[in-house]
Amino acid sequence: MRKLLAFCALALMAGYVQAQVTAGKMMIGGNVGYSTQTSESVYGESKHKTFNANQQFGYFVVDNLAVGLETNFSQIKSNFDYLDAIDTDAKNTNTTIAPFVRYYMFTSNAKFAFNAEAAVGFGVAKFRGTNDDEFKTNIFTARLSPGFSYFLSDKWALDLQLSGISYSSSDQRTDADAGNGKTSSFMFGVSSLNPYLGFRHFIGK
């Protein structure tokens, strides 16, 4: 009898939690991440501090699948100390808006789910050097990131999101004589799996 009651309670809990990601529900939330990196070479040392934050609003078009819009902000502060003679600072700031898709896949634990998220963004990047010289570029980003969600209650979930696979490109116009400066980067593997911690709030009956 006790086992039967425990099984029924677990089944009700599973349905209760998963009901928060059914069609017609809304989701708001975001992630925050911070990392540091130090690199050394024969020429000296460079240090980089990275801060990332995003905000999301999503709507569940079908069970477990949400589509929506997010804003992203990232900033990288760098210091270069080369040959004990050159000590400079630089700052890169990126701001993008991106449509996204997120899918939840629940496990045998009623409160725990894997998720996968894809987004494509457009925005502006700013670079400022030691002499306060600044230039702007248009940027394009795309990413596919896995994650884990733990449902704290019927309305809140805690997220641990990984960077996963990402691509970014920028198109810089410096001046009329210099022409365009185009760059791109692709990240995949362990080095790109920087974790982001965040919350999601679910709205709807």
Protein backbone atom coordinates (compact mmCIF):
# COMPACT_ATOMS: atom_id res chain seq x y z
CA MET A 1 0.00 0.00 0.00
CA ARG A 2 2.81 2.37 0.90
CA LYS A 3 4.58 1.71 -2.41
CA LEU A 4 1.35 2.30 -4.30
CA LEU A 5 0.82 5.66 -2.59
CA ALA A 6 4.42 6.68 -3.30
CA PHE A 7 4.01 5.74 -6.97
CA CYS A 8 0.77 7.76 -7.25
CA ALA A 9 2.40 10.79 -5.61
CA LEU A 10 5.34 10.59 -8.02
CA ALA A 11 3.02 10.30 -11.01
CA LEU A 12 0.99 13.31 -9.87
CA MET A 13 4.18 15.32 -9.31
CA ALA A 14 5.47 14.43 -12.78
CA GLY A 15 2.25 15.60 -14.39
CA TYR A 16 2.19 18.73 -12.21
CA VAL A 17 5.70 19.82 -13.16
CA GLN A 18 5.45 18.96 -16.84
CA ALA A 19 2.19 20.91 -17.00
CA GLN A 20 4.33 24.06 -16.74
CA VAL A 21 5.79 23.41 -20.22
CA THR A 22 2.58 22.59 -22.06
CA ALA A 23 1.15 24.43 -25.07
CA GLY A 24 -0.16 27.92 -24.30
CA LYS A 25 2.16 28.63 -21.35
CA MET A 26 4.62 31.55 -21.27
CA MET A 27 8.18 31.65 -19.97
CA ILE A 28 10.37 34.54 -18.85
CA GLY A 29 13.88 34.46 -17.43
CA GLY A 30 17.55 34.61 -18.28
CA ASN A 31 21.11 33.49 -17.60
CA VAL A 32 24.24 35.11 -16.19
CA GLY A 33 27.83 33.93 -16.69
CA TYR A 34 31.33 35.08 -15.73
CA SER A 35 34.74 33.64 -16.58
CA THR A 36 38.42 34.60 -16.49
CA GLN A 37 41.29 33.44 -18.65
CA THR A 38 45.05 34.01 -18.48
CA SER A 39 47.40 33.24 -21.36
CA GLU A 40 51.20 33.27 -21.30
CA SER A 41 53.71 33.23 -24.14
CA VAL A 42 57.33 34.17 -24.76
CA TYR A 43 56.12 37.74 -25.34
CA GLY A 44 54.30 38.17 -22.03
CA GLU A 45 50.91 37.67 -20.44
CA SER A 46 47.31 38.50 -21.34
CA LYS A 47 44.28 38.39 -19.04
CA HIS A 48 40.63 38.33 -20.09
CA LYS A 49 37.51 38.74 -17.93
CA THR A 50 34.18 37.89 -19.60
CA PHE A 51 30.67 38.71 -18.39
CA ASN A 52 27.52 37.46 -20.17
CA ALA A 53 23.82 38.04 -19.51
CA ASN A 54 20.66 37.32 -21.47
CA GLN A 55 16.93 37.85 -20.96
CA GLN A 56 14.22 35.75 -22.61
CA PHE A 57 10.51 35.69 -23.26
CA GLY A 58 9.08 32.50 -24.73
CA TYR A 59 5.74 30.94 -25.62
CA PHE A 60 5.05 27.19 -25.74
CA VAL A 61 3.60 26.51 -29.17
CA VAL A 62 3.33 22.79 -28.35
CA ASP A 63 4.13 20.72 -25.27
CA ASN A 64 7.81 21.05 -24.22
CA LEU A 65 8.68 23.38 -27.15
CA ALA A 66 8.95 27.16 -26.69
CA VAL A 67 9.79 29.87 -29.21
CA GLY A 68 10.59 33.45 -28.31
CA LEU A 69 12.94 36.41 -28.32
CA GLU A 70 16.02 37.12 -26.24
CA THR A 71 18.44 39.99 -25.70
CA ASN A 72 22.12 39.25 -25.07
CA PHE A 73 24.87 41.37 -23.54
CA SER A 74 28.52 40.37 -23.23
CA GLN A 75 31.63 42.26 -22.24
CA ILE A 76 35.28 41.21 -22.38
CA LYS A 77 37.90 43.24 -20.51
CA SER A 78 41.47 42.43 -21.56
CA ASN A 79 44.88 43.39 -20.23
CA PHE A 80 48.09 42.80 -22.22
CA ASP A 81 51.49 42.91 -20.50
CA TYR A 82 54.16 42.18 -23.13
CA LEU A 83 57.94 42.10 -22.62
CA ASP A 84 57.56 44.07 -19.38
CA ALA A 85 57.28 47.19 -21.51
CA ILE A 86 53.76 47.30 -22.94
CA ASP A 87 50.81 47.32 -20.56
CA THR A 88 47.51 48.04 -22.30
CA ASP A 89 43.81 47.53 -21.65
CA ALA A 90 40.94 46.92 -24.06
CA LYS A 91 37.20 46.35 -23.78
CA ASN A 92 34.80 44.58 -26.16
CA THR A 93 31.04 44.98 -25.67
CA ASN A 94 28.44 43.05 -27.70
CA THR A 95 24.68 43.59 -27.70
CA THR A 96 22.36 41.38 -29.77
CA ILE A 97 18.68 40.51 -30.23
CA ALA A 98 17.92 36.91 -31.17
CA PRO A 99 14.88 34.71 -31.82
CA PHE A 100 15.28 31.33 -30.09
CA VAL A 101 13.79 27.84 -29.82
CA ARG A 102 13.98 25.73 -26.62
CA TYR A 103 12.96 22.09 -26.12
CA TYR A 104 12.54 20.26 -22.78
CA MET A 105 13.01 16.51 -22.31
CA PHE A 106 12.06 15.22 -18.86
CA THR A 107 13.83 12.36 -17.10
CA SER A 108 12.52 9.75 -14.65
CA ASN A 109 12.98 12.42 -11.96
CA ALA A 110 9.82 14.51 -12.20
CA LYS A 111 11.65 17.76 -11.40
CA PHE A 112 14.66 17.30 -13.65
CA ALA A 113 14.81 17.88 -17.41
CA PHE A 114 17.39 18.26 -20.14
CA ASN A 115 16.94 21.12 -22.57
CA ALA A 116 18.37 22.17 -25.92
CA GLU A 117 18.31 25.73 -27.20
CA ALA A 118 19.09 27.28 -30.58
CA ALA A 119 19.27 31.01 -31.37
CA VAL A 120 20.30 33.33 -34.20
CA GLY A 121 21.15 36.94 -33.33
CA PHE A 122 21.95 40.31 -34.86
CA GLY A 123 23.52 43.26 -33.10
CA VAL A 124 26.36 45.70 -32.56
CA ALA A 125 29.84 45.28 -31.11
CA LYS A 126 31.91 48.10 -29.64
CA PHE A 127 35.67 48.09 -29.07
CA ARG A 128 37.54 50.61 -26.92
CA GLY A 129 41.32 50.67 -26.59
CA THR A 130 43.75 52.30 -24.15
CA ASN A 131 43.57 55.70 -25.84
CA ASP A 132 39.76 55.66 -25.74
CA ASP A 133 39.70 55.06 -29.48
CA GLU A 134 36.40 53.35 -30.25
CA PHE A 135 34.82 51.70 -33.25
CA LYS A 136 31.59 49.77 -33.88
CA THR A 137 30.82 46.73 -35.99
CA ASN A 138 27.69 44.87 -37.04
CA ILE A 139 27.68 41.28 -35.76
CA PHE A 140 25.86 38.04 -36.50
CA THR A 141 25.74 35.15 -34.00
CA ALA A 142 24.36 31.61 -33.96
CA ARG A 143 24.48 28.97 -31.23
CA LEU A 144 23.23 25.57 -30.19
CA SER A 145 23.50 25.00 -26.45
CA PRO A 146 22.56 22.08 -24.19
CA GLY A 147 21.42 22.57 -20.63
CA PHE A 148 19.79 21.18 -17.49
CA SER A 149 16.67 22.44 -15.71
CA TYR A 150 15.58 21.71 -12.15
CA PHE A 151 12.00 22.67 -11.32
CA LEU A 152 11.97 24.22 -7.85
CA SER A 153 8.18 24.61 -7.87
CA ASP A 154 5.25 24.76 -10.24
CA LYS A 155 6.31 28.27 -11.33
CA TRP A 156 10.12 28.35 -11.12
CA ALA A 157 13.01 26.38 -12.63
CA LEU A 158 16.75 26.68 -12.12
CA ASP A 159 18.85 26.43 -15.31
CA LEU A 160 22.45 25.45 -15.92
CA GLN A 161 23.17 26.25 -19.56
CA LEU A 162 26.35 25.47 -21.52
CA SER A 163 27.78 27.49 -24.39
CA GLY A 164 27.95 24.44 -26.66
CA ILE A 165 28.44 25.24 -30.35
CA SER A 166 28.61 28.88 -31.36
CA TYR A 167 29.49 30.97 -34.40
CA SER A 168 29.96 34.73 -34.69
CA SER A 169 30.97 37.12 -37.43
CA SER A 170 31.51 40.87 -37.63
CA ASP A 171 31.76 43.37 -40.46
CA GLN A 172 33.71 46.47 -39.55
CA ARG A 173 34.08 49.62 -41.62
CA THR A 174 36.94 51.68 -40.24
CA ASP A 175 37.10 54.57 -42.69
CA ALA A 176 36.79 55.34 -46.39
CA ASP A 177 40.40 54.40 -47.14
CA ALA A 178 40.77 51.33 -44.93
CA GLY A 179 37.70 49.57 -46.30
CA ASN A 180 35.99 46.68 -44.54
CA GLY A 181 37.36 44.40 -41.87
CA LYS A 182 35.53 41.07 -41.65
CA THR A 183 36.19 38.50 -38.95
CA SER A 184 34.51 35.27 -37.86
CA SER A 185 34.94 32.64 -35.16
CA PHE A 186 33.61 29.15 -34.49
CA MET A 187 33.67 27.48 -31.07
CA PHE A 188 33.04 23.82 -30.32
CA GLY A 189 34.31 21.44 -27.66
CA VAL A 190 35.21 21.46 -23.99
CA SER A 191 36.81 24.91 -24.17
CA SER A 192 33.46 26.43 -25.18
CA LEU A 193 31.32 24.77 -22.50
CA ASN A 194 31.35 27.71 -20.07
CA PRO A 195 28.32 27.33 -17.77
CA TYR A 196 25.62 29.98 -17.34
CA LEU A 197 23.32 29.97 -14.32
CA GLY A 198 19.78 31.32 -14.55
CA PHE A 199 16.10 31.05 -13.68
CA ARG A 200 12.88 30.57 -15.64
CA HIS A 201 9.43 31.66 -14.50
CA PHE A 202 6.38 29.99 -16.06
CA ILE A 203 3.09 31.85 -16.49
CA GLY A 204 -0.34 30.49 -17.35
CA LYS A 205 -3.00 28.14 -16.08
